[in-house]
Protein backbone atom coordinates (compact mmCIF):
# COMPACT_ATOMS: atom_id res chain seq x y z
CA MET A 1 113.71 122.93 94.19
CA PHE A 2 111.70 120.84 96.94
CA ARG A 3 110.82 124.37 98.84
CA PRO A 4 108.38 124.99 102.13
CA GLY A 5 105.46 125.57 101.83
CA SER A 6 104.76 122.64 99.15
CA ILE A 7 102.63 119.83 99.11
CA LEU A 8 105.85 117.25 99.61
CA TRP A 9 107.10 119.75 102.57
CA ALA A 10 104.63 119.43 104.30
CA ALA A 11 104.56 116.01 103.94
CA LEU A 12 108.40 115.23 104.95
CA MET A 13 107.45 117.30 107.83
CA LEU A 14 105.25 114.05 109.84
CA VAL A 15 108.42 112.27 109.72
CA ALA A 16 109.43 114.99 113.44
CA PHE A 17 105.98 112.96 114.55
CA SER A 18 106.32 109.55 113.50
CA SER A 19 108.40 106.61 114.32
CA CYS A 20 109.18 103.46 111.76
CA ALA A 21 110.43 102.08 114.94
CA ALA A 22 106.45 102.23 116.66
CA SER A 23 105.13 100.04 112.85
CA GLN A 24 102.53 97.95 113.29
CA LEU A 25 101.92 94.91 110.91
CA ALA A 26 98.68 94.81 110.94
CA GLU A 27 97.00 95.50 108.89
CA PRO A 28 95.05 98.55 108.75
CA ASP A 29 90.40 98.34 109.15
CA SER A 30 89.68 101.69 108.74
CA GLU A 31 90.50 104.40 105.78
CA THR A 32 91.50 106.46 109.18
CA SER A 33 94.43 108.54 108.42
CA TRP A 34 93.84 108.35 104.49
CA SER A 35 91.07 111.23 105.87
CA GLY A 36 93.86 113.17 106.83
CA ILE A 37 95.97 112.69 104.35
CA LYS A 38 92.43 113.47 101.84
CA GLU A 39 91.52 116.79 103.91
CA ALA A 40 95.74 117.84 103.52
CA THR A 41 96.39 117.37 100.16
CA PHE A 42 92.81 117.80 98.90
CA GLY A 43 90.84 119.57 100.63
CA GLN A 44 87.12 119.66 99.72
CA HIS A 45 87.02 117.52 96.53
CA HIS A 46 84.88 114.69 96.10
CA ILE A 47 87.44 111.96 94.35
CA LEU A 48 85.76 109.84 92.29
CA ASP A 49 87.14 105.45 91.64
CA ALA A 50 88.63 105.13 88.75
CA GLY A 51 87.20 102.15 87.66
CA LYS A 52 88.45 100.43 84.61
CA ASP A 53 89.91 104.00 83.65
CA MET A 54 92.78 103.22 85.88
CA HIS A 55 94.01 101.31 88.14
CA LEU A 56 98.05 100.30 90.30
CA ASP A 57 99.72 97.94 90.30
CA ALA A 58 101.72 96.65 92.94
CA PRO A 59 102.79 93.29 94.83
CA GLU A 60 100.31 92.51 97.34
CA ARG A 61 103.16 90.95 99.81
CA ALA A 62 106.49 92.73 98.80
CA GLU A 63 109.71 90.97 99.03
CA ASP A 64 111.87 93.74 100.23
CA ALA A 65 109.80 96.92 101.76
CA ALA A 66 113.18 99.47 100.94
CA ILE A 67 112.14 98.51 96.57
CA VAL A 68 108.60 98.06 96.36
CA PRO A 69 108.03 98.12 91.81
CA VAL A 70 104.25 100.86 91.62
CA THR A 71 102.81 101.01 88.75
CA VAL A 72 99.76 102.99 87.57
CA HIS A 73 98.04 102.24 84.02
CA ILE A 74 95.72 105.17 82.79
CA ALA A 75 93.22 104.14 80.31
CA ALA A 76 93.74 106.91 77.38
CA ALA A 77 90.50 107.95 77.47
CA LEU A 78 91.08 109.27 80.92
CA ALA A 79 94.82 110.34 80.77
CA SER A 80 93.61 112.55 77.92
CA ARG A 81 92.78 114.29 80.47
CA VAL A 82 95.23 113.58 83.25
CA LYS A 83 96.98 116.50 84.05
CA THR A 84 98.68 115.15 87.69
CA VAL A 85 99.36 111.72 88.78
CA THR A 86 100.03 112.34 92.91
CA LEU A 87 101.39 108.93 94.05
CA ILE A 88 100.54 108.51 98.08
CA ILE A 89 101.62 105.34 100.56
CA ASP A 90 99.63 105.93 102.84
CA GLU A 91 101.11 105.00 106.25
CA ASP A 92 104.77 106.07 104.94
CA PRO A 93 106.35 108.56 107.90
CA ALA A 94 105.92 110.61 104.82
CA PRO A 95 102.53 109.18 102.41
CA ILE A 96 103.25 111.76 99.64
CA ALA A 97 105.56 109.61 97.49
CA ALA A 98 105.61 111.66 94.25
CA LYS A 99 103.27 114.01 92.51
CA PHE A 100 104.04 114.10 87.95
CA THR A 101 103.37 116.82 85.83
CA TYR A 102 102.25 115.89 82.92
CA GLY A 103 103.18 117.89 79.29
CA GLU A 104 102.40 118.20 75.54
CA ALA A 105 104.79 115.37 75.10
CA ALA A 106 103.39 112.46 77.59
CA GLY A 107 101.10 112.01 74.47
CA VAL A 108 96.87 111.01 73.86
CA GLY A 109 97.10 107.07 74.49
CA ASP A 110 96.96 104.49 77.60
CA ARG A 111 99.98 105.78 79.59
CA VAL A 112 101.69 103.91 82.33
CA MET A 113 104.34 105.88 84.81
CA ALA A 114 106.42 102.38 86.59
CA THR A 115 107.66 103.23 89.93
CA ARG A 116 110.21 102.16 92.76
CA VAL A 117 109.21 102.72 96.78
CA ARG A 118 110.13 103.12 100.00
CA VAL A 119 106.95 100.64 102.48
CA ASP A 120 107.01 101.27 106.11
CA ARG A 121 104.18 99.12 107.07
CA TYR A 122 100.54 97.04 105.83
CA THR A 123 99.64 100.09 103.62
CA PHE A 124 97.44 101.24 101.23
CA VAL A 125 99.03 102.76 98.25
CA ARG A 126 97.28 105.15 95.59
CA ALA A 127 97.07 107.46 92.84
CA VAL A 128 95.26 109.91 93.08
CA ALA A 129 94.58 111.63 89.46
CA GLU A 130 93.93 115.43 88.95
CA THR A 131 92.21 115.96 85.15
CA ARG A 132 92.29 119.74 83.18
CA ASP A 133 88.58 120.78 84.39
CA GLY A 134 89.18 120.67 87.57
CA LYS A 135 88.10 116.85 88.88
CA PHE A 136 90.12 113.45 90.58
CA TYR A 137 89.83 109.64 90.03
CA MET A 138 91.31 107.34 92.17
CA THR A 139 92.75 103.84 92.24
CA LYS A 140 94.95 102.01 95.00
CA ALA A 141 96.26 98.70 96.02
CA PHE A 142 97.16 97.41 99.05
CA VAL A 143 100.30 96.23 100.16
CA LYS A 144 102.00 93.80 102.69
CA ALA A 145 105.35 95.01 103.37
CA SER A 146 107.05 96.70 106.66
CA GLY A 147 110.52 98.61 108.08
CA GLY A 148 111.29 100.70 104.73
CA CYS A 149 111.89 103.91 105.40
CA SER A 150 115.12 102.44 108.34
CA ALA A 151 116.28 99.97 105.99
CA PRO A 152 120.09 100.82 105.94
CA ALA A 153 120.93 101.42 102.10
CA SER A 154 123.02 98.85 99.63
CA ARG A 155 126.13 101.13 99.11
CA ASP A 156 128.36 103.13 102.06
CA LEU A 157 127.66 106.74 101.50
CA GLN A 158 130.99 107.31 100.36
CA GLU A 159 130.90 105.12 97.40
CA ALA A 160 127.80 105.77 96.77
CA GLU A 161 128.98 109.80 96.28
CA LYS A 162 131.21 108.08 93.95
CA SER A 163 129.14 107.70 91.17
CA LEU A 164 126.26 110.53 92.61
CA GLY A 165 124.01 112.09 89.62
CA LYS A 166 125.31 108.99 87.10
CA MET A 167 121.93 108.73 84.74
CA ARG A 168 121.09 105.92 82.57
CA ILE A 169 117.88 106.41 79.41
CA LYS A 170 117.05 104.35 77.47
CA THR A 171 113.77 104.40 74.58
CA THR A 172 112.34 102.09 72.45
CA VAL A 173 109.97 102.67 69.89
CA ALA A 174 106.92 100.57 70.57
CA GLY A 175 103.76 101.23 68.78
CA LYS A 176 101.24 104.39 69.81
CA SER A 177 103.66 105.15 72.71
CA ASN A 178 107.35 104.75 72.84
CA MET A 179 108.65 103.47 75.90
CA ALA A 180 111.86 105.28 78.25
CA GLU A 181 113.18 103.82 80.83
CA VAL A 182 115.57 106.43 83.78
CA MET A 183 117.93 105.61 86.45
CA ILE A 184 119.54 108.25 88.37
CA ARG A 185 122.18 107.23 91.22
CA HIS A 186 121.30 109.12 94.32
CA PRO A 187 121.14 107.12 97.66
CA ASN A 188 117.92 108.79 97.97
CA ILE A 189 118.34 108.86 102.09
CA SER A 190 115.29 108.67 103.88
CA GLY A 191 116.60 110.61 106.74
CA LEU A 192 115.55 107.32 108.95
CA ALA A 193 118.35 104.79 108.71
CA ILE A 194 120.56 104.26 110.72
CA ASP A 195 124.33 104.54 109.21
CA GLN A 196 126.09 101.69 111.16
CA LEU A 197 129.29 103.03 111.45
CA SER A 198 128.45 106.32 112.74
CA ARG A 199 125.34 104.87 114.69
CA GLY A 200 123.96 108.15 113.96
CA TYR A 201 121.34 109.00 111.58
CA PRO A 202 122.39 110.85 108.34
CA PRO A 203 120.32 113.63 107.08
CA ALA A 204 117.57 113.13 104.57
CA ARG A 205 118.97 113.74 100.84
CA PHE A 206 116.99 112.76 98.23
CA ILE A 207 115.98 114.07 94.47
CA SER A 208 113.41 116.54 94.99
CA GLU A 209 111.96 117.46 91.59
CA LEU A 210 112.87 115.96 88.34
CA THR A 211 112.11 117.20 84.47
CA VAL A 212 111.38 115.06 81.07
CA ARG A 213 111.67 116.53 77.89
CA ALA A 214 111.32 114.83 74.81
CA ALA A 215 113.26 118.14 72.05
CA ASP A 216 112.27 120.86 74.03
CA LYS A 217 108.91 118.98 74.75
CA LEU A 218 107.74 118.62 78.14
CA ILE A 219 106.65 114.77 79.21
CA PHE A 220 106.84 115.10 82.85
CA SER A 221 107.42 116.58 85.89
CA MET A 222 108.35 114.88 89.38
CA GLU A 223 108.07 116.35 92.94
CA GLY A 224 109.79 113.40 94.81
CA GLY A 225 110.51 112.88 98.31
CA ILE A 226 111.66 110.30 101.23
CA ALA A 227 109.59 107.09 99.83
CA ILE A 228 111.75 107.31 96.40
CA SER A 229 114.19 104.27 96.91
CA GLU A 230 117.93 104.79 97.14
CA ASP A 231 119.45 104.98 92.83
CA PRO A 232 115.69 106.42 91.65
CA HIS A 233 113.88 104.94 88.43
CA PHE A 234 111.85 105.28 86.20
CA ARG A 235 110.07 103.62 83.50
CA PHE A 236 107.16 105.54 81.60
CA THR A 237 105.37 105.56 78.20
CA TYR A 238 105.29 109.54 75.91
CA GLU A 239 104.48 110.66 72.77
CA PRO A 240 106.14 108.12 69.48
CA ARG A 241 108.50 110.94 67.50
CA LYS A 242 111.01 108.81 65.69
CA GLY A 243 114.53 110.09 67.18
CA GLU A 244 113.97 112.08 69.10
CA VAL A 245 117.05 112.71 71.97
CA LEU A 246 115.19 112.96 76.22
CA SER A 247 116.97 114.62 78.28
CA VAL A 248 116.16 115.45 82.16
CA VAL A 249 116.93 117.45 84.42
CA ALA A 250 117.03 116.46 88.23
CA GLU A 251 117.63 118.36 91.72
CA ASP A 252 117.82 116.88 95.01
CA SER A 253 116.37 117.97 98.39
CA ILE A 254 119.86 119.95 98.94
CA GLY A 255 120.50 121.53 95.92
CA THR A 256 122.96 119.79 93.67
CA HIS A 257 122.29 119.42 90.26
CA PHE A 258 122.42 117.00 87.48
CA SER A 259 121.00 116.12 84.19
CA GLY A 260 121.53 113.67 81.30
CA GLN A 261 120.21 112.65 77.57
CA SER A 262 119.30 109.66 76.00
CA GLY A 263 121.07 108.28 72.40
CA ASN A 264 118.45 107.82 69.63
CA PRO A 265 115.41 106.04 70.47
CA SER A 266 116.48 102.02 69.64
């Protein structure tokens, strides 16, 4: 569960001191925000430029700030050593969007992790990988978008409740790595978007934990925050084992549990 004291809990607390209404469209002229985030999240660890071993794809100018696609690619040489990947959005009220922890079923080939995020204002989006030997590597991309954290939900909350937690899990056998997609029906309420009917702010409620396994082996687990978009969607590679069923277990920030399984890979 998303517990006080965790990295993501600390990041979420930044919401109390931020205001989406104060968003600025000017491109940051320094990495002041990152300096504070880096110290709070990684302490004094030296973070290396990942170079060609890892890169992050994101649109230079997002069509919809509430649904910005981001994809982290990690080359096999680095992926085989990666323990965690932290996704950070510098200028968001809660900058730690997600932390992915990989297990043995993640595989040793090239690795992909894609999701969709909310972007509050023009910002750097970063992926920081930690290896099992304690080294850190980073890649980043600049995204021009604004207002994603306060954007209204696409569905009425009462309507969203009817399909809450429903999952779609799709797997495909593709060469050295399988590709899978997991989508969870959940409004992932940021707590910063005004309700058009009540004119109030619904309390934050979002997918805070996600665990994906192939049979009994962990592919990855995730700690998530309010920056993950409505109806969280993840596309990722994992170790190819034909016929294995994927199981997904999720929990949201108020303690509601959800689960689902895939059929055989197609």
